[in-house]
Amino acid sequence: MADLNNNLIETDFDTLTPDNVELELEKLKLIDSNYDSDEDERDRIKLTGKGIDFRALKAGQDVEFEYEPTKEDDNYNWDDEIDKIDYKKVYDLKNSEVIMDQDENGISKTPFEILRAKMEDISPLKDGGVVKRTIVPGCGLPITPGSRVRIHYNAYFEMNDEPFDSTHLRNKSFEFKLGAYEVVSGLDIAVSSMKKHEKSQFIFEPEYYCGKFGCEPRVPKETPVLFEIEVISFVEANAFDNYEVSTEQQREKMTLDQMLKICNCLRELGNDNYKRLNFREASKKYRKAIYLLDNTSVKNDDEEKKWIAVMLKLCLNMSQVCLKRAKPKKTIYYCKLVLDLDENNAKAIYRYGKSLRMLQDFDRARKFLLRAYKLAPSSKEIADELTQLDQDVAKYKNLEKNFYAKMFKKEDSKNEENELKLKDVDSLDRNKEIITQKLVEFKNNDKMKIYKVQMDMFSLDILNFIIKKAEDMDLCIRQKKGETNIMQIMKKD
C-alpha cells in the first residue's frame, strides 16, 4: 500500500504479472509514465541480484540498480533487414489511395479523409476509431471470437504508398486467436467483422493501434494507419482451448458430445495445417484427437455410431498425412484401424495397397489395389496407382534379370579367382532354384567367407527368400555398416 497525493493505492503484489507490472509500478511512482529519456540510456540500467522483491519494496526497503555506461546497444537494428527486402514485391504492393489529395469531385482532401467517406464505422463505441470498406465479399458467417485465424495484410501510413508492414513481404501469413488480446484492438475488431476469404480495408485511429505515443521509430506518435486484410482461413477452436485449461476432474465429467466437438476442432486445425503442406503439425493434431477419442467411452449404440464416424475421419486423415511424409508402415497402421471399423472403406484399402507398393511388396499391393478398384471403379487415383505398380514390377524384373550375375560379391578381393559367376537367366521362374544352388556352393567353398547382396536390385519377395534360405542353411545375415543397400551373407565360425 502506498500514499500518493494523500490517496491510498492498494497493490496486491501476489497478482503481479509481466502484463500488469509496469502499470502497478506507475501507480506507486516507481516508474514515471511521462519519462521520455533516451531509449539507449534506459537499456543500460539493470536490476542487481535476482530482480525486484515486491514484498520488500512494499515494506519500504530499497531496491538497488546498476548502470553500465559502456554497454553496447543490443537493440534490433532495422538496417540489418535492408538486404532482405524484395523491392519488386514492395513496388507491386504500392497503394496509390494513400497519396491522393483530391476526391472524385476535385475537392482537396487528405487521402484518409477521402477513404473514410467510403467507409463504415464498426468501432464498438461508434467513435470512428475503426472504419471499414469491403473490397472482396467473403462467404459464410462472420468469424466468431476464440477462432484461430490466418490472415494476410498490408499496412500503410498516410502519404506513403509503400507498406510499412506486410505479411506478403515476409511470405508468411499471420495467425492469432481472435478476441484473446493477442493483437492490437483495431485488428481484433476488424477481423471479427469479416468472413472467410473476405478482403477489406480498415483505418485504425491511434487509440486502436499503437496508442497516442505510437511505437517509434517504426510507428510515429498519433498516427492513423490503413490496413488491407484478407482472411485466408479460420477454425473455431474454443472447444479445444477450453479443454486445454480444464482440470482432470472436469475432463472426466465431459460427455461424448463434448469430446467429439473437441476432436473435430483438432481435426479442423489439422486440416488447416495440411492445406498449408505443414504435415508435421497436421500429424500432431490428428494424433492428439485420436488419442482423446480412443480414451472416451460410449454408453449406447447411438453414441458408438457417432464415435465411429469421427474416428474414421481422423484415422483416414492420419493415413494420408503419413503417405505424404513417405511413411508407408505408419500408413498401413492407420489403414488397419479404419478397416477394423469399416472393412470396405475404399480409401483405406487404396492407401494400404499404395503403401505396400512403396515397400516393394508387389503381390499384396496388387490384391489391395484391385480390391479398392472394385469398390471404386471410377477412381482415377486407384487406376493411376495400378499403372504405377505395373511399371515398378517391370522395373524390378528387369533389374533382377540384368543384375542376377552380380547378385553375390565377395568381400575379399584376393579370392577373386574363386568367385562364382552366374549366367544370365532368361526365365525368372528359376530364380529361387539358382539362389539355392549358389548358397550351397558358397557354404561348401572354404575359401569364400562373405557374399554381398545388392538389396536394391531385387524385389521384397526375392530378398525374403534369400534371407530364409540362408537361415535354413545356418548362414549369418547382416547389413554392412555404412551401406544401407548391402546385405552380407557369412558362414558361422
Protein backbone atom coordinates (compact mmCIF):
# COMPACT_ATOMS: atom_id res chain seq x y z
CA MET A 1 0.00 0.00 0.00
CA ALA A 2 1.38 3.45 -0.86
CA ASP A 3 0.27 7.03 -0.05
CA LEU A 4 0.34 9.05 -3.27
CA ASN A 5 -1.06 12.61 -3.18
CA ASN A 6 -2.94 11.75 0.03
CA ASN A 7 -4.74 8.93 -1.77
CA LEU A 8 -4.29 5.32 -0.68
CA ILE A 9 -3.48 2.95 -3.54
CA GLU A 10 -3.58 -0.71 -2.69
CA THR A 11 -1.47 -3.15 -4.72
CA ASP A 12 -1.66 -6.91 -4.39
CA PHE A 13 1.90 -7.95 -5.23
CA ASP A 14 0.87 -11.62 -5.41
CA THR A 15 -1.17 -10.92 -8.54
CA LEU A 16 1.55 -9.12 -10.48
CA THR A 17 2.26 -10.49 -13.96
CA PRO A 18 4.55 -9.37 -16.80
CA ASP A 19 1.49 -7.75 -18.39
CA ASN A 20 0.43 -5.55 -15.46
CA VAL A 21 3.66 -4.95 -13.54
CA GLU A 22 4.52 -1.73 -15.38
CA LEU A 23 1.10 -0.24 -14.66
CA GLU A 24 1.34 -1.12 -10.97
CA LEU A 25 4.84 0.39 -10.73
CA GLU A 26 3.50 3.58 -12.30
CA LYS A 27 0.79 3.72 -9.63
CA LEU A 28 3.48 3.50 -6.95
CA LYS A 29 5.51 6.24 -8.68
CA LEU A 30 8.36 3.78 -9.22
CA ILE A 31 8.11 4.39 -12.95
CA ASP A 32 7.28 7.82 -14.35
CA SER A 33 4.73 7.44 -17.17
CA ASN A 34 6.00 10.72 -18.65
CA TYR A 35 9.59 9.55 -18.63
CA ASP A 36 10.95 10.11 -22.13
CA SER A 37 14.72 9.85 -21.78
CA ASP A 38 16.94 8.29 -24.39
CA GLU A 39 15.99 4.66 -25.01
CA ASP A 40 19.62 3.59 -25.18
CA GLU A 41 20.24 5.02 -21.69
CA ARG A 42 17.32 3.03 -20.27
CA ASP A 43 18.76 -0.16 -21.77
CA ARG A 44 21.95 0.40 -19.76
CA ILE A 45 20.12 0.31 -16.44
CA LYS A 46 19.62 -3.15 -14.97
CA LEU A 47 18.49 -4.64 -11.67
CA THR A 48 21.12 -6.13 -9.41
CA GLY A 49 20.76 -9.54 -7.79
CA LYS A 50 17.66 -11.57 -8.68
CA GLY A 51 15.35 -8.68 -9.55
CA ILE A 52 12.70 -6.80 -7.56
CA ASP A 53 11.44 -8.31 -4.31
CA PHE A 54 7.98 -6.72 -4.27
CA ARG A 55 7.29 -7.66 -0.67
CA ALA A 56 10.50 -5.93 0.41
CA LEU A 57 9.50 -2.98 -1.75
CA LYS A 58 6.11 -2.90 -0.07
CA ALA A 59 7.82 -2.85 3.34
CA GLY A 60 9.75 0.28 2.33
CA GLN A 61 13.12 -1.34 1.66
CA ASP A 62 15.38 -0.02 -1.08
CA VAL A 63 16.00 -1.61 -4.48
CA GLU A 64 19.47 -1.30 -6.00
CA PHE A 65 20.09 -0.63 -9.68
CA GLU A 66 23.30 -0.79 -11.64
CA TYR A 67 24.33 1.48 -14.52
CA GLU A 68 26.57 0.27 -17.34
CA PRO A 69 27.67 3.25 -19.48
CA THR A 70 29.92 1.02 -21.61
CA LYS A 71 27.25 -1.50 -22.51
CA GLU A 72 26.86 -1.82 -26.27
CA ASP A 73 23.48 -1.22 -27.84
CA ASP A 74 21.80 -4.58 -28.40
CA ASN A 75 18.53 -3.23 -29.79
CA TYR A 76 17.19 -4.68 -33.02
CA ASN A 77 18.78 -2.93 -35.96
CA TRP A 78 16.36 -2.45 -38.81
CA ASP A 79 19.28 -1.74 -41.14
CA ASP A 80 20.11 -5.45 -40.94
CA GLU A 81 16.92 -6.15 -42.88
CA ILE A 82 17.73 -3.87 -45.82
CA ASP A 83 19.43 -6.57 -47.87
CA LYS A 84 16.47 -8.93 -47.39
CA ILE A 85 13.86 -6.60 -48.89
CA ASP A 86 12.25 -7.72 -52.15
CA TYR A 87 11.94 -4.33 -53.83
CA LYS A 88 9.93 -5.68 -56.76
CA LYS A 89 7.31 -7.00 -54.35
CA VAL A 90 7.32 -3.67 -52.47
CA TYR A 91 6.62 -1.92 -55.79
CA ASP A 92 3.75 -4.34 -56.54
CA LEU A 93 2.20 -3.59 -53.13
CA LYS A 94 2.18 0.18 -53.57
CA ASN A 95 -1.20 1.75 -52.83
CA SER A 96 -1.95 5.00 -54.64
CA GLU A 97 -5.05 5.62 -52.49
CA VAL A 98 -2.93 6.70 -49.54
CA ILE A 99 -1.32 9.55 -51.51
CA MET A 100 -4.44 11.03 -53.21
CA ASP A 101 -5.03 14.70 -52.48
CA GLN A 102 -8.38 15.20 -54.25
CA ASP A 103 -11.69 13.35 -54.09
CA GLU A 104 -13.87 12.37 -57.06
CA ASN A 105 -15.28 15.92 -57.22
CA GLY A 106 -11.84 17.53 -57.33
CA ILE A 107 -12.07 18.85 -53.77
CA SER A 108 -8.75 18.92 -51.93
CA LYS A 109 -8.70 16.48 -49.02
CA THR A 110 -6.22 14.24 -47.29
CA PRO A 111 -6.06 10.63 -48.53
CA PHE A 112 -7.54 9.21 -45.33
CA GLU A 113 -10.39 11.77 -45.41
CA ILE A 114 -11.26 10.57 -48.91
CA LEU A 115 -11.13 6.91 -47.82
CA ARG A 116 -13.14 7.48 -44.61
CA ALA A 117 -16.00 8.91 -46.67
CA LYS A 118 -16.33 5.49 -48.34
CA MET A 119 -16.11 3.50 -45.12
CA GLU A 120 -18.44 2.34 -42.36
CA ASP A 121 -17.76 2.85 -38.66
CA ILE A 122 -17.51 -0.57 -36.98
CA SER A 123 -15.86 0.50 -33.71
CA PRO A 124 -17.76 -0.64 -30.59
CA LEU A 125 -18.17 2.93 -29.30
CA LYS A 126 -19.02 4.30 -32.75
CA ASP A 127 -16.25 6.87 -32.31
CA GLY A 128 -14.76 6.36 -35.76
CA GLY A 129 -11.78 4.54 -34.30
CA VAL A 130 -12.12 1.63 -36.76
CA VAL A 131 -13.78 2.17 -40.14
CA LYS A 132 -14.21 -0.43 -42.88
CA ARG A 133 -14.67 -0.81 -46.63
CA THR A 134 -15.24 -4.26 -48.17
CA ILE A 135 -13.25 -4.91 -51.34
CA VAL A 136 -14.00 -8.62 -51.92
CA PRO A 137 -17.02 -10.08 -50.05
CA GLY A 138 -16.45 -13.27 -48.08
CA CYS A 139 -18.64 -16.32 -47.62
CA GLY A 140 -20.42 -17.86 -44.66
CA LEU A 141 -20.89 -16.34 -41.22
CA PRO A 142 -18.58 -13.76 -39.55
CA ILE A 143 -15.65 -15.18 -37.64
CA THR A 144 -16.53 -15.99 -34.04
CA PRO A 145 -14.38 -14.92 -31.06
CA GLY A 146 -11.94 -17.60 -29.96
CA SER A 147 -11.28 -18.81 -33.51
CA ARG A 148 -7.76 -19.41 -34.78
CA VAL A 149 -7.48 -17.03 -37.72
CA ARG A 150 -4.95 -16.82 -40.56
CA ILE A 151 -4.73 -13.57 -42.48
CA HIS A 152 -2.59 -11.67 -44.95
CA TYR A 153 -2.32 -7.91 -44.56
CA ASN A 154 -0.55 -4.77 -45.80
CA ALA A 155 -0.28 -1.73 -43.50
CA TYR A 156 0.22 1.84 -44.79
CA PHE A 157 0.79 5.31 -43.39
CA GLU A 158 -0.96 8.29 -44.94
CA MET A 159 1.09 9.86 -47.76
CA ASN A 160 3.33 6.78 -48.09
CA ASP A 161 2.25 4.32 -50.78
CA GLU A 162 4.70 1.61 -49.66
CA PRO A 163 3.61 -0.70 -46.81
CA PHE A 164 5.49 -0.30 -43.54
CA ASP A 165 4.38 -3.79 -42.52
CA SER A 166 3.26 -6.66 -44.74
CA THR A 167 2.82 -10.43 -44.42
CA HIS A 168 3.23 -10.64 -48.20
CA LEU A 169 6.75 -9.24 -47.94
CA ARG A 170 7.54 -11.85 -45.28
CA ASN A 171 5.98 -14.59 -47.44
CA LYS A 172 4.16 -15.87 -44.39
CA SER A 173 0.57 -15.43 -43.23
CA PHE A 174 -0.18 -14.14 -39.72
CA GLU A 175 -2.03 -16.38 -37.28
CA PHE A 176 -3.68 -15.39 -33.99
CA LYS A 177 -6.60 -16.20 -31.71
CA LEU A 178 -9.44 -13.76 -32.22
CA GLY A 179 -10.63 -11.92 -29.10
CA ALA A 180 -7.78 -13.19 -26.90
CA TYR A 181 -5.92 -9.83 -26.79
CA GLU A 182 -3.02 -11.29 -28.77
CA VAL A 183 -3.10 -8.34 -31.21
CA VAL A 184 -3.95 -4.64 -31.15
CA SER A 185 -7.62 -3.91 -30.53
CA GLY A 186 -8.17 -2.50 -34.02
CA LEU A 187 -7.11 -5.77 -35.62
CA ASP A 188 -9.37 -7.79 -33.31
CA ILE A 189 -12.35 -5.54 -34.14
CA ALA A 190 -11.59 -5.57 -37.87
CA VAL A 191 -11.20 -9.34 -38.28
CA SER A 192 -14.26 -10.08 -36.11
CA SER A 193 -16.35 -8.25 -38.74
CA MET A 194 -15.00 -10.36 -41.62
CA LYS A 195 -15.89 -13.68 -43.26
CA LYS A 196 -13.81 -16.42 -44.84
CA HIS A 197 -11.93 -15.27 -47.99
CA GLU A 198 -13.07 -11.68 -47.47
CA LYS A 199 -10.72 -8.81 -48.33
CA SER A 200 -11.35 -5.39 -46.79
CA GLN A 201 -9.70 -2.07 -45.95
CA PHE A 202 -9.66 -0.55 -42.47
CA ILE A 203 -8.38 2.69 -40.97
CA PHE A 204 -7.33 2.45 -37.33
CA GLU A 205 -7.08 5.56 -35.22
CA PRO A 206 -4.03 5.62 -32.87
CA GLU A 207 -6.09 4.53 -29.84
CA TYR A 208 -6.97 1.29 -31.68
CA TYR A 209 -3.46 0.57 -32.94
CA CYS A 210 -0.30 1.59 -31.03
CA GLY A 211 -1.78 4.35 -28.87
CA LYS A 212 -1.13 8.07 -28.98
CA PHE A 213 2.59 7.58 -28.32
CA GLY A 214 2.99 5.18 -31.24
CA CYS A 215 5.86 2.72 -31.39
CA GLU A 216 8.77 4.82 -32.55
CA PRO A 217 10.75 4.74 -34.70
CA ARG A 218 8.52 2.42 -36.68
CA VAL A 219 5.10 3.94 -35.87
CA PRO A 220 5.14 7.72 -35.19
CA LYS A 221 3.04 9.32 -32.45
CA GLU A 222 -0.68 9.93 -33.04
CA THR A 223 -0.60 8.30 -36.48
CA PRO A 224 -3.63 6.57 -38.02
CA VAL A 225 -2.90 3.58 -40.27
CA LEU A 226 -4.59 1.86 -43.18
CA PHE A 227 -4.79 -1.96 -43.14
CA GLU A 228 -5.72 -4.12 -46.11
CA ILE A 229 -6.69 -7.51 -44.65
CA GLU A 230 -7.56 -10.80 -46.34
CA VAL A 231 -8.89 -13.76 -44.34
CA ILE A 232 -7.22 -16.97 -45.51
CA SER A 233 -8.89 -19.39 -43.11
CA PHE A 234 -10.19 -19.76 -39.58
CA VAL A 235 -11.04 -22.62 -37.24
CA GLU A 236 -13.38 -22.37 -34.27
CA ALA A 237 -11.02 -23.58 -31.55
CA ASN A 238 -12.89 -22.67 -28.36
CA ALA A 239 -13.72 -26.28 -27.55
CA PHE A 240 -10.10 -27.44 -27.62
CA ASP A 241 -8.76 -24.31 -25.91
CA ASN A 242 -11.23 -24.77 -23.05
CA TYR A 243 -10.23 -28.41 -22.77
CA GLU A 244 -6.56 -27.48 -22.51
CA VAL A 245 -7.17 -25.27 -19.45
CA SER A 246 -9.65 -27.64 -17.76
CA THR A 247 -8.79 -29.76 -14.72
CA GLU A 248 -8.63 -33.55 -14.64
CA GLN A 249 -11.91 -33.67 -12.74
CA GLN A 250 -13.61 -31.51 -15.36
CA ARG A 251 -12.26 -33.70 -18.16
CA GLU A 252 -13.55 -36.86 -16.50
CA LYS A 253 -17.08 -35.41 -16.42
CA MET A 254 -17.13 -34.46 -20.12
CA THR A 255 -19.81 -36.10 -22.25
CA LEU A 256 -19.20 -37.85 -25.57
CA ASP A 257 -20.68 -34.89 -27.49
CA GLN A 258 -18.21 -32.54 -25.79
CA MET A 259 -15.28 -34.83 -26.64
CA LEU A 260 -16.45 -35.18 -30.24
CA LYS A 261 -16.57 -31.38 -30.52
CA ILE A 262 -13.00 -31.16 -29.19
CA CYS A 263 -11.78 -33.87 -31.57
CA ASN A 264 -13.50 -32.24 -34.55
CA CYS A 265 -11.85 -28.96 -33.59
CA LEU A 266 -8.44 -30.69 -33.62
CA ARG A 267 -9.28 -32.29 -36.95
CA GLU A 268 -10.09 -28.88 -38.45
CA LEU A 269 -6.81 -27.48 -37.12
CA GLY A 270 -5.03 -30.45 -38.65
CA ASN A 271 -6.81 -29.91 -41.97
CA ASP A 272 -5.73 -26.27 -41.98
CA ASN A 273 -2.11 -27.31 -41.49
CA TYR A 274 -2.45 -29.99 -44.17
CA LYS A 275 -3.66 -27.41 -46.71
CA ARG A 276 -0.53 -25.39 -45.95
CA LEU A 277 1.60 -28.53 -46.52
CA ASN A 278 2.60 -28.42 -42.86
CA PHE A 279 2.27 -32.18 -42.49
CA ARG A 280 4.18 -32.47 -39.22
CA GLU A 281 1.80 -30.11 -37.37
CA ALA A 282 -1.20 -31.73 -39.04
CA SER A 283 0.01 -35.10 -37.79
CA LYS A 284 0.25 -33.79 -34.22
CA LYS A 285 -3.33 -32.52 -34.27
CA TYR A 286 -4.75 -35.75 -35.71
CA ARG A 287 -2.80 -37.96 -33.28
CA LYS A 288 -3.95 -35.86 -30.33
CA ALA A 289 -7.58 -36.21 -31.42
CA ILE A 290 -7.24 -39.98 -31.97
CA TYR A 291 -5.72 -40.36 -28.51
CA LEU A 292 -8.52 -38.38 -26.83
CA LEU A 293 -11.26 -40.22 -28.70
CA ASP A 294 -9.67 -43.62 -28.10
CA ASN A 295 -9.86 -42.93 -24.36
CA THR A 296 -13.52 -41.89 -24.49
CA SER A 297 -16.15 -44.49 -23.68
CA VAL A 298 -19.62 -44.79 -25.20
CA LYS A 299 -22.88 -45.69 -23.43
CA ASN A 300 -25.15 -46.94 -26.22
CA ASP A 301 -25.38 -47.78 -29.93
CA ASP A 302 -26.16 -44.20 -30.97
CA GLU A 303 -23.05 -42.90 -29.23
CA GLU A 304 -21.00 -45.68 -30.78
CA LYS A 305 -22.10 -44.64 -34.28
CA LYS A 306 -21.06 -41.04 -33.58
CA TRP A 307 -17.74 -42.25 -32.15
CA ILE A 308 -17.01 -44.43 -35.20
CA ALA A 309 -17.88 -41.63 -37.67
CA VAL A 310 -15.36 -39.22 -36.13
CA MET A 311 -12.67 -41.89 -35.58
CA LEU A 312 -12.89 -42.96 -39.25
CA LYS A 313 -12.26 -39.37 -40.40
CA LEU A 314 -9.30 -38.95 -38.05
CA CYS A 315 -7.60 -42.23 -38.99
CA LEU A 316 -8.14 -41.63 -42.71
CA ASN A 317 -6.64 -38.14 -42.41
CA MET A 318 -3.73 -39.55 -40.45
CA SER A 319 -3.09 -42.24 -43.06
CA GLN A 320 -3.00 -39.57 -45.78
CA VAL A 321 -0.52 -37.45 -43.80
CA CYS A 322 1.72 -40.50 -43.32
CA LEU A 323 1.65 -41.12 -47.07
CA LYS A 324 2.63 -37.51 -47.75
CA ARG A 325 5.52 -37.91 -45.30
CA ALA A 326 6.62 -41.13 -47.09
CA LYS A 327 5.98 -43.35 -44.07
CA PRO A 328 4.26 -46.43 -45.57
CA LYS A 329 4.43 -48.59 -42.43
CA LYS A 330 2.62 -45.96 -40.35
CA THR A 331 0.13 -45.51 -43.17
CA ILE A 332 -0.67 -49.22 -43.02
CA TYR A 333 -1.14 -49.00 -39.23
CA TYR A 334 -3.82 -46.31 -39.54
CA CYS A 335 -5.43 -48.03 -42.53
CA LYS A 336 -5.81 -51.15 -40.39
CA LEU A 337 -7.58 -49.06 -37.74
CA VAL A 338 -10.00 -47.84 -40.39
CA LEU A 339 -10.61 -51.32 -41.78
CA ASP A 340 -11.33 -52.62 -38.28
CA LEU A 341 -14.25 -50.17 -38.23
CA ASP A 342 -15.22 -50.33 -41.92
CA GLU A 343 -13.82 -53.31 -43.83
CA ASN A 344 -14.95 -51.95 -47.21
CA ASN A 345 -13.51 -48.45 -46.92
CA ALA A 346 -12.07 -47.86 -50.41
CA LYS A 347 -9.73 -45.04 -49.35
CA ALA A 348 -8.12 -47.13 -46.62
CA ILE A 349 -7.74 -50.15 -48.93
CA TYR A 350 -6.21 -47.98 -51.65
CA ARG A 351 -3.72 -46.35 -49.27
CA TYR A 352 -2.87 -49.77 -47.82
CA GLY A 353 -2.08 -51.02 -51.34
CA LYS A 354 -0.06 -47.95 -52.22
CA SER A 355 2.00 -48.34 -49.05
CA LEU A 356 2.69 -51.98 -49.89
CA ARG A 357 3.92 -50.89 -53.32
CA MET A 358 6.25 -48.38 -51.67
CA LEU A 359 7.54 -51.28 -49.52
CA GLN A 360 8.02 -53.33 -52.73
CA ASP A 361 5.55 -55.98 -51.61
CA PHE A 362 4.07 -56.07 -55.10
CA ASP A 363 1.85 -59.16 -54.92
CA ARG A 364 -0.03 -57.96 -51.83
CA ALA A 365 -0.14 -54.41 -53.19
CA ARG A 366 -1.93 -55.65 -56.31
CA LYS A 367 -4.52 -57.55 -54.24
CA PHE A 368 -5.38 -54.46 -52.19
CA LEU A 369 -5.45 -52.12 -55.18
CA LEU A 370 -7.69 -54.42 -57.20
CA ARG A 371 -9.98 -54.70 -54.21
CA ALA A 372 -10.11 -50.90 -53.93
CA TYR A 373 -10.72 -50.60 -57.68
CA LYS A 374 -13.66 -52.99 -57.42
CA LEU A 375 -15.19 -50.78 -54.69
CA ALA A 376 -14.47 -47.52 -56.55
CA PRO A 377 -14.09 -48.29 -60.30
CA SER A 378 -14.35 -44.62 -61.31
CA SER A 379 -11.41 -43.54 -59.14
CA LYS A 380 -8.60 -42.15 -61.27
CA GLU A 381 -6.30 -42.26 -58.25
CA ILE A 382 -6.62 -46.03 -57.94
CA ALA A 383 -6.23 -46.58 -61.69
CA ASP A 384 -3.06 -44.47 -61.73
CA GLU A 385 -1.68 -46.43 -58.78
CA LEU A 386 -2.26 -49.75 -60.58
CA THR A 387 -0.37 -48.35 -63.58
CA GLN A 388 2.47 -47.28 -61.29
CA LEU A 389 2.53 -50.75 -59.76
CA ASP A 390 2.89 -52.38 -63.20
CA GLN A 391 5.76 -50.01 -64.01
CA ASP A 392 7.54 -50.80 -60.72
CA VAL A 393 7.14 -54.55 -61.21
CA ALA A 394 8.55 -54.34 -64.75
CA LYS A 395 11.44 -52.23 -63.47
CA TYR A 396 12.40 -54.68 -60.75
CA LYS A 397 12.03 -57.71 -63.00
CA ASN A 398 14.38 -56.06 -65.46
CA LEU A 399 16.85 -55.31 -62.67
CA GLU A 400 16.70 -58.90 -61.44
CA LYS A 401 17.35 -60.19 -64.92
CA ASN A 402 20.19 -57.81 -65.76
CA PHE A 403 21.97 -57.97 -62.42
CA TYR A 404 21.46 -61.56 -61.41
CA ALA A 405 25.03 -62.33 -62.39
CA LYS A 406 26.15 -59.71 -59.85
CA MET A 407 23.94 -60.89 -57.04
CA PHE A 408 26.85 -62.07 -54.92
CA LYS A 409 30.10 -60.16 -54.46
CA LYS A 410 32.97 -61.37 -52.32
CA GLU A 411 34.35 -59.18 -49.56
CA ASP A 412 37.96 -60.31 -50.10
CA SER A 413 39.35 -59.23 -53.46
CA LYS A 414 42.30 -61.64 -53.10
CA ASN A 415 39.96 -64.62 -53.68
CA GLU A 416 38.61 -63.26 -56.94
CA GLU A 417 39.62 -66.40 -58.83
CA ASN A 418 37.22 -68.40 -56.64
CA GLU A 419 34.22 -66.10 -57.26
CA LEU A 420 31.25 -67.99 -58.62
CA LYS A 421 29.85 -66.49 -61.83
CA LEU A 422 26.15 -66.61 -62.63
CA LYS A 423 24.86 -66.90 -66.16
CA ASP A 424 22.12 -64.60 -67.34
CA VAL A 425 18.69 -66.13 -66.81
CA ASP A 426 16.06 -65.78 -69.50
CA SER A 427 13.23 -67.01 -67.30
CA LEU A 428 12.73 -65.59 -63.79
CA ASP A 429 10.95 -68.78 -62.73
CA ARG A 430 14.32 -70.33 -61.97
CA ASN A 431 15.48 -67.52 -59.63
CA LYS A 432 14.86 -69.39 -56.39
CA GLU A 433 16.46 -72.55 -57.74
CA ILE A 434 19.61 -70.64 -58.73
CA ILE A 435 19.77 -68.84 -55.37
CA THR A 436 19.59 -72.14 -53.52
CA GLN A 437 22.31 -73.63 -55.74
CA LYS A 438 24.70 -70.69 -55.25
CA LEU A 439 24.18 -70.62 -51.49
CA VAL A 440 25.07 -74.33 -51.32
CA GLU A 441 28.22 -73.72 -53.38
CA PHE A 442 29.16 -70.79 -51.12
CA LYS A 443 28.70 -72.84 -47.94
CA ASN A 444 30.81 -75.71 -49.28
CA ASN A 445 33.64 -73.46 -50.53
CA ASP A 446 36.09 -72.96 -47.63
CA LYS A 447 37.92 -70.15 -49.43
CA MET A 448 34.84 -67.95 -49.66
CA LYS A 449 33.89 -66.15 -46.43
CA ILE A 450 31.35 -63.48 -47.42
CA TYR A 451 28.75 -62.87 -50.11
CA LYS A 452 27.33 -59.41 -50.78
CA VAL A 453 23.79 -58.91 -51.99
CA GLN A 454 22.75 -55.63 -53.65
CA MET A 455 19.35 -55.23 -51.94
CA ASP A 456 18.06 -52.53 -54.29
CA MET A 457 18.41 -54.91 -57.23
CA PHE A 458 15.72 -57.31 -56.04
CA SER A 459 12.10 -57.32 -55.07
CA LEU A 460 10.99 -57.85 -51.48
CA ASP A 461 9.85 -61.41 -52.29
CA ILE A 462 13.30 -62.41 -53.58
CA LEU A 463 15.10 -60.78 -50.64
CA ASN A 464 12.84 -62.57 -48.16
CA PHE A 465 13.58 -65.87 -49.93
CA ILE A 466 17.36 -65.24 -49.76
CA ILE A 467 17.16 -64.46 -46.02
CA LYS A 468 15.01 -67.50 -45.23
CA LYS A 469 17.12 -69.87 -47.31
CA ALA A 470 20.36 -68.58 -45.75
CA GLU A 471 18.94 -69.04 -42.24
CA ASP A 472 17.80 -72.58 -43.12
CA MET A 473 21.38 -73.34 -44.20
CA ASP A 474 22.75 -71.99 -40.90
CA LEU A 475 24.34 -68.93 -42.51
CA CYS A 476 24.54 -65.48 -40.90
CA ILE A 477 22.83 -62.38 -42.31
CA ARG A 478 23.84 -58.81 -41.52
CA GLN A 479 23.65 -55.35 -43.07
CA LYS A 480 27.01 -53.84 -43.96
CA LYS A 481 27.88 -50.89 -41.71
CA GLY A 482 27.55 -47.57 -43.52
CA GLU A 483 25.79 -49.12 -46.54
CA THR A 484 22.04 -49.38 -46.23
CA ASN A 485 21.58 -51.27 -49.53
CA ILE A 486 24.17 -54.04 -48.95
CA MET A 487 23.28 -57.33 -47.26
CA GLN A 488 26.11 -59.69 -46.26
CA ILE A 489 25.82 -63.47 -46.05
CA MET A 490 28.52 -65.11 -43.92
CA LYS A 491 29.46 -68.50 -42.52
CA LYS A 492 29.26 -69.07 -38.79
CA ASP A 493 32.65 -69.54 -37.12
